[in-house]
N, C-alpha and C. Protein backbone atom coordinates (compact mmCIF):
# COMPACT_ATOMS: atom_id res chain seq x y z
N UNK A 1 0.84 -1.19 0.00
CA UNK A 1 0.00 0.00 0.00
C UNK A 1 0.88 1.24 0.00
N UNK A 2 0.52 2.16 -0.84
CA UNK A 2 1.28 3.40 -0.83
C UNK A 2 0.69 4.34 0.23
N UNK A 3 1.33 5.46 0.40
CA UNK A 3 0.97 6.40 1.45
C UNK A 3 -0.47 6.91 1.32
N UNK A 4 -0.91 7.21 0.09
CA UNK A 4 -2.28 7.70 -0.11
C UNK A 4 -3.32 6.65 0.27
N UNK A 5 -3.06 5.40 -0.08
CA UNK A 5 -4.00 4.33 0.27
C UNK A 5 -4.09 4.15 1.78
N UNK A 6 -2.94 4.22 2.44
CA UNK A 6 -2.92 4.10 3.90
C UNK A 6 -3.72 5.23 4.52
N UNK A 7 -3.52 6.45 4.01
CA UNK A 7 -4.23 7.61 4.54
C UNK A 7 -5.74 7.48 4.32
N UNK A 8 -6.15 7.03 3.14
CA UNK A 8 -7.58 6.86 2.85
C UNK A 8 -8.19 5.81 3.77
N UNK A 9 -7.46 4.72 4.00
CA UNK A 9 -7.95 3.68 4.91
C UNK A 9 -8.08 4.23 6.32
N UNK A 10 -7.10 5.01 6.74
CA UNK A 10 -7.13 5.63 8.07
C UNK A 10 -8.35 6.54 8.20
N UNK A 11 -8.60 7.37 7.20
CA UNK A 11 -9.76 8.27 7.22
C UNK A 11 -11.06 7.48 7.26
N UNK A 12 -11.13 6.39 6.50
CA UNK A 12 -12.34 5.55 6.49
C UNK A 12 -12.56 4.91 7.86
N UNK A 13 -11.47 4.47 8.49
CA UNK A 13 -11.58 3.86 9.83
C UNK A 13 -12.08 4.88 10.85
N UNK A 14 -11.60 6.10 10.76
CA UNK A 14 -12.05 7.16 11.67
C UNK A 14 -13.53 7.45 11.45
N UNK A 15 -13.94 7.55 10.19
CA UNK A 15 -15.35 7.81 9.88
C UNK A 15 -16.24 6.69 10.41
N UNK A 16 -15.78 5.46 10.26
CA UNK A 16 -16.55 4.31 10.75
C UNK A 16 -16.66 4.36 12.28
N UNK A 17 -15.58 4.68 12.95
CA UNK A 17 -15.60 4.77 14.41
C UNK A 17 -16.56 5.86 14.87
N UNK A 18 -16.59 6.97 14.16
CA UNK A 18 -17.52 8.05 14.51
C UNK A 18 -18.97 7.62 14.33
N UNK A 19 -19.25 6.86 13.26
CA UNK A 19 -20.62 6.37 13.04
C UNK A 19 -21.04 5.43 14.16
N UNK A 20 -20.14 4.56 14.58
CA UNK A 20 -20.44 3.64 15.68
C UNK A 20 -20.69 4.42 16.96
N UNK A 21 -19.86 5.42 17.21
CA UNK A 21 -20.02 6.24 18.41
C UNK A 21 -21.35 6.99 18.38
N UNK A 22 -21.71 7.54 17.23
CA UNK A 22 -22.99 8.24 17.10
C UNK A 22 -24.15 7.30 17.37
N UNK A 23 -24.06 6.08 16.84
CA UNK A 23 -25.12 5.10 17.05
C UNK A 23 -25.26 4.78 18.54
N UNK A 24 -24.13 4.62 19.20
CA UNK A 24 -24.16 4.30 20.63
C UNK A 24 -24.71 5.45 21.45
N UNK A 25 -24.53 6.66 20.97
CA UNK A 25 -24.99 7.82 21.72
C UNK A 25 -26.45 8.16 21.47
N UNK A 26 -27.09 7.46 20.53
CA UNK A 26 -28.50 7.72 20.31
C UNK A 26 -29.24 7.47 21.60
N UNK A 27 -30.25 8.29 21.83
CA UNK A 27 -30.98 8.24 23.09
C UNK A 27 -31.43 6.82 23.44
N UNK A 28 -31.00 6.37 24.59
CA UNK A 28 -31.45 5.10 25.12
C UNK A 28 -30.72 3.86 24.64
N UNK A 29 -29.87 3.96 23.63
CA UNK A 29 -29.22 2.76 23.10
C UNK A 29 -28.40 2.05 24.17
N UNK A 30 -27.55 2.80 24.87
CA UNK A 30 -26.70 2.19 25.89
C UNK A 30 -27.55 1.59 27.01
N UNK A 31 -28.60 2.32 27.42
CA UNK A 31 -29.46 1.83 28.48
C UNK A 31 -30.18 0.55 28.06
N UNK A 32 -30.63 0.48 26.81
CA UNK A 32 -31.30 -0.73 26.33
C UNK A 32 -30.35 -1.92 26.35
N UNK A 33 -29.13 -1.69 25.91
CA UNK A 33 -28.14 -2.77 25.89
C UNK A 33 -27.84 -3.22 27.32
N UNK A 34 -27.67 -2.25 28.24
CA UNK A 34 -27.38 -2.60 29.63
C UNK A 34 -28.56 -3.35 30.24
N UNK A 35 -29.78 -2.89 30.00
CA UNK A 35 -30.96 -3.58 30.56
C UNK A 35 -31.05 -5.01 30.06
N UNK A 36 -30.76 -5.22 28.79
CA UNK A 36 -30.79 -6.58 28.23
C UNK A 36 -29.69 -7.44 28.85
N UNK A 37 -28.49 -6.88 28.97
CA UNK A 37 -27.36 -7.63 29.56
C UNK A 37 -27.65 -7.95 31.02
N UNK A 38 -28.20 -6.98 31.74
CA UNK A 38 -28.53 -7.18 33.15
C UNK A 38 -29.59 -8.27 33.31
N UNK A 39 -30.63 -8.24 32.47
CA UNK A 39 -31.69 -9.25 32.54
C UNK A 39 -31.13 -10.64 32.25
N UNK A 40 -30.25 -10.73 31.26
CA UNK A 40 -29.63 -12.02 30.94
C UNK A 40 -28.80 -12.53 32.11
N UNK A 41 -28.04 -11.63 32.73
CA UNK A 41 -27.20 -12.03 33.86
C UNK A 41 -28.06 -12.49 35.04
N UNK A 42 -29.18 -11.79 35.28
CA UNK A 42 -30.05 -12.16 36.40
C UNK A 42 -30.74 -13.50 36.17
N UNK A 43 -30.93 -13.90 34.90
CA UNK A 43 -31.47 -15.24 34.66
C UNK A 43 -30.40 -16.30 34.94
N UNK A 44 -29.14 -15.95 34.71
CA UNK A 44 -28.04 -16.87 35.00
C UNK A 44 -27.74 -16.93 36.50
N UNK A 45 -27.91 -15.80 37.18
CA UNK A 45 -27.62 -15.70 38.62
C UNK A 45 -28.83 -15.09 39.33
N UNK A 46 -29.88 -15.87 39.57
CA UNK A 46 -31.12 -15.31 40.12
C UNK A 46 -31.09 -15.05 41.63
N UNK A 47 -30.06 -15.53 42.32
CA UNK A 47 -29.97 -15.37 43.77
C UNK A 47 -28.95 -14.29 44.10
N UNK A 48 -29.26 -13.48 45.10
CA UNK A 48 -28.33 -12.43 45.55
C UNK A 48 -27.02 -13.08 46.00
N UNK A 49 -25.94 -12.70 45.34
CA UNK A 49 -24.63 -13.30 45.65
C UNK A 49 -24.12 -12.86 47.02
N UNK A 50 -24.46 -11.64 47.43
CA UNK A 50 -24.03 -11.14 48.73
C UNK A 50 -24.76 -11.87 49.86
N UNK A 51 -26.07 -12.05 49.72
CA UNK A 51 -26.84 -12.81 50.73
C UNK A 51 -26.37 -14.26 50.78
N UNK A 52 -26.13 -14.86 49.62
CA UNK A 52 -25.67 -16.25 49.57
C UNK A 52 -24.33 -16.40 50.29
N UNK A 53 -23.49 -15.41 50.14
CA UNK A 53 -22.18 -15.43 50.81
C UNK A 53 -22.35 -15.45 52.33
N UNK A 54 -23.45 -14.83 52.82
CA UNK A 54 -23.72 -14.77 54.25
C UNK A 54 -24.68 -15.86 54.72
N UNK A 55 -25.02 -16.81 53.81
CA UNK A 55 -25.86 -17.93 54.19
C UNK A 55 -27.35 -17.69 54.08
N UNK A 56 -27.77 -16.64 53.38
CA UNK A 56 -29.19 -16.34 53.19
C UNK A 56 -29.55 -16.55 51.73
N UNK A 57 -30.85 -16.61 51.47
CA UNK A 57 -31.32 -16.73 50.09
C UNK A 57 -32.28 -15.58 49.82
N UNK A 58 -31.94 -14.74 48.85
CA UNK A 58 -32.78 -13.62 48.42
C UNK A 58 -32.75 -13.55 46.90
N UNK A 59 -33.84 -13.09 46.33
CA UNK A 59 -33.91 -12.95 44.88
C UNK A 59 -33.11 -11.73 44.46
N UNK A 60 -32.24 -11.90 43.49
CA UNK A 60 -31.44 -10.78 42.96
C UNK A 60 -32.31 -9.92 42.06
N UNK A 61 -32.21 -8.61 42.25
CA UNK A 61 -32.99 -7.66 41.46
C UNK A 61 -32.12 -6.69 40.68
N UNK A 62 -30.84 -6.65 41.00
CA UNK A 62 -29.95 -5.68 40.36
C UNK A 62 -28.59 -6.32 40.11
N UNK A 63 -27.83 -5.67 39.26
CA UNK A 63 -26.46 -6.10 38.98
C UNK A 63 -25.55 -4.91 39.26
N UNK A 64 -24.54 -5.14 40.07
CA UNK A 64 -23.56 -4.09 40.35
C UNK A 64 -22.19 -4.59 39.90
N UNK A 65 -21.21 -3.70 39.96
CA UNK A 65 -19.85 -4.05 39.57
C UNK A 65 -19.02 -4.29 40.83
N UNK A 66 -18.25 -5.36 40.83
CA UNK A 66 -17.36 -5.65 41.95
C UNK A 66 -16.31 -4.55 42.08
N UNK A 67 -15.75 -4.17 40.94
CA UNK A 67 -14.77 -3.08 40.88
C UNK A 67 -15.40 -1.98 40.05
N UNK A 68 -15.45 -0.77 40.59
CA UNK A 68 -16.04 0.35 39.87
C UNK A 68 -15.29 0.57 38.56
N UNK A 69 -15.98 0.48 37.43
CA UNK A 69 -15.29 0.57 36.14
C UNK A 69 -14.86 1.98 35.76
N UNK A 70 -15.35 3.00 36.45
CA UNK A 70 -15.07 4.40 36.11
C UNK A 70 -15.34 4.60 34.62
N UNK A 71 -14.31 4.81 33.82
CA UNK A 71 -14.52 5.01 32.38
C UNK A 71 -13.95 3.86 31.56
N UNK A 72 -13.68 2.73 32.20
CA UNK A 72 -13.11 1.57 31.52
C UNK A 72 -14.23 0.71 30.94
N UNK A 73 -14.43 0.78 29.63
CA UNK A 73 -15.51 0.05 28.99
C UNK A 73 -15.34 -1.46 29.10
N UNK A 74 -14.12 -1.93 29.01
CA UNK A 74 -13.89 -3.38 29.11
C UNK A 74 -14.29 -3.87 30.50
N UNK A 75 -13.88 -3.15 31.54
CA UNK A 75 -14.24 -3.54 32.91
C UNK A 75 -15.74 -3.42 33.13
N UNK A 76 -16.37 -2.42 32.53
CA UNK A 76 -17.82 -2.24 32.68
C UNK A 76 -18.58 -3.43 32.12
N UNK A 77 -18.21 -3.90 30.94
CA UNK A 77 -18.95 -4.97 30.26
C UNK A 77 -18.42 -6.37 30.57
N UNK A 78 -17.41 -6.49 31.41
CA UNK A 78 -16.84 -7.79 31.78
C UNK A 78 -17.76 -8.47 32.80
N UNK A 79 -18.40 -9.56 32.40
CA UNK A 79 -19.35 -10.25 33.28
C UNK A 79 -18.68 -10.78 34.55
N UNK A 80 -17.39 -11.00 34.51
CA UNK A 80 -16.69 -11.46 35.72
C UNK A 80 -16.63 -10.36 36.77
N UNK A 81 -16.91 -9.12 36.37
CA UNK A 81 -16.92 -7.99 37.29
C UNK A 81 -18.34 -7.67 37.77
N UNK A 82 -19.32 -8.46 37.36
CA UNK A 82 -20.71 -8.22 37.75
C UNK A 82 -21.05 -9.04 38.98
N UNK A 83 -22.04 -8.53 39.73
CA UNK A 83 -22.44 -9.12 41.00
C UNK A 83 -23.94 -8.96 41.12
N UNK A 84 -24.70 -10.07 41.19
CA UNK A 84 -26.15 -10.02 41.32
C UNK A 84 -26.50 -9.78 42.79
N UNK A 85 -27.36 -8.78 43.04
CA UNK A 85 -27.72 -8.43 44.42
C UNK A 85 -29.22 -8.16 44.54
N UNK A 86 -29.74 -8.33 45.76
CA UNK A 86 -31.12 -7.99 46.05
C UNK A 86 -31.21 -6.48 46.30
N UNK A 87 -32.42 -5.97 46.47
CA UNK A 87 -32.61 -4.54 46.70
C UNK A 87 -31.86 -4.00 47.91
N UNK A 88 -32.04 -4.61 49.11
CA UNK A 88 -31.33 -4.10 50.28
C UNK A 88 -29.81 -4.14 50.15
N UNK A 89 -29.28 -5.21 49.56
CA UNK A 89 -27.82 -5.29 49.36
C UNK A 89 -27.36 -4.23 48.36
N UNK A 90 -28.17 -3.97 47.35
CA UNK A 90 -27.82 -2.95 46.36
C UNK A 90 -27.67 -1.59 47.05
N UNK A 91 -28.64 -1.25 47.90
CA UNK A 91 -28.57 0.04 48.62
C UNK A 91 -27.37 0.06 49.55
N UNK A 92 -27.16 -1.03 50.29
CA UNK A 92 -26.05 -1.08 51.24
C UNK A 92 -24.69 -1.01 50.56
N UNK A 93 -24.54 -1.71 49.44
CA UNK A 93 -23.23 -1.78 48.78
C UNK A 93 -22.93 -0.57 47.91
N UNK A 94 -23.95 0.07 47.38
CA UNK A 94 -23.70 1.19 46.47
C UNK A 94 -24.05 2.54 47.06
N UNK A 95 -24.72 2.56 48.22
CA UNK A 95 -25.21 3.82 48.79
C UNK A 95 -26.04 4.58 47.77
N UNK A 96 -26.73 3.83 46.91
CA UNK A 96 -27.57 4.39 45.84
C UNK A 96 -26.79 5.25 44.86
N UNK A 97 -25.47 5.08 44.79
CA UNK A 97 -24.68 5.79 43.79
C UNK A 97 -24.88 5.10 42.46
N UNK A 98 -25.07 5.87 41.43
CA UNK A 98 -25.24 5.25 40.11
C UNK A 98 -23.94 5.38 39.32
N UNK A 99 -23.73 4.42 38.46
CA UNK A 99 -22.57 4.43 37.57
C UNK A 99 -23.09 4.70 36.17
N UNK A 100 -22.44 5.58 35.46
CA UNK A 100 -22.85 5.87 34.09
C UNK A 100 -22.69 4.63 33.23
N UNK A 101 -23.71 4.38 32.41
CA UNK A 101 -23.64 3.24 31.49
C UNK A 101 -22.69 3.61 30.36
N UNK A 102 -21.66 2.82 30.17
CA UNK A 102 -20.67 3.09 29.13
C UNK A 102 -21.07 2.42 27.83
N UNK A 103 -20.54 2.93 26.73
CA UNK A 103 -20.83 2.37 25.40
C UNK A 103 -20.51 0.89 25.35
N UNK A 104 -21.37 0.11 24.72
CA UNK A 104 -21.04 -1.29 24.51
C UNK A 104 -19.82 -1.42 23.59
N UNK A 105 -19.13 -2.51 23.72
CA UNK A 105 -17.97 -2.78 22.88
C UNK A 105 -18.44 -3.62 21.71
N UNK A 106 -18.18 -3.18 20.51
CA UNK A 106 -18.63 -3.87 19.31
C UNK A 106 -18.03 -5.26 19.17
N UNK A 107 -18.75 -6.12 18.49
CA UNK A 107 -18.30 -7.49 18.30
C UNK A 107 -17.00 -7.55 17.50
N UNK A 108 -16.75 -6.53 16.69
CA UNK A 108 -15.54 -6.53 15.86
C UNK A 108 -14.37 -5.82 16.53
N UNK A 109 -14.53 -5.48 17.82
CA UNK A 109 -13.44 -4.81 18.54
C UNK A 109 -12.24 -5.74 18.58
N UNK A 110 -11.08 -5.16 18.49
CA UNK A 110 -9.85 -5.94 18.46
C UNK A 110 -9.41 -6.23 19.89
N UNK A 111 -10.14 -7.15 20.57
CA UNK A 111 -9.83 -7.49 21.94
C UNK A 111 -9.33 -8.92 22.01
N UNK A 112 -8.44 -9.16 22.94
CA UNK A 112 -7.96 -10.51 23.19
C UNK A 112 -8.97 -11.19 24.11
N UNK A 113 -9.52 -12.31 23.70
CA UNK A 113 -10.54 -13.01 24.48
C UNK A 113 -9.96 -14.32 25.00
N UNK A 114 -10.12 -14.54 26.29
CA UNK A 114 -9.64 -15.76 26.92
C UNK A 114 -10.85 -16.65 27.18
N UNK A 115 -10.80 -17.87 26.69
CA UNK A 115 -11.89 -18.82 26.93
C UNK A 115 -11.75 -19.36 28.35
N UNK A 116 -12.87 -19.49 29.04
CA UNK A 116 -12.86 -20.05 30.40
C UNK A 116 -12.65 -21.54 30.37
């Protein structure tokens, strides 16, 4: 590839990234994705993990992060960082602080994936 072709490809990649970002920023898109992911996780883990750790059984109603992801999208969407909790545990563990829902990571993202 010559220099002009490389530059055109670079410009096309930037334009594509902007389109993806715009799509993710459309009203409610991130929230819809998070709600779907949360619902799926709660079907996999229907019992409050915090109560179970203490020997109790409660229905999980929310998903929180073990480690606050701040602005780290990978940590935000990493299911190993999620924790199913009941309402009282959610209030106790988060003090009702909300975390901003970060953009989902596209399926074509160049991430290294480790199989469990």
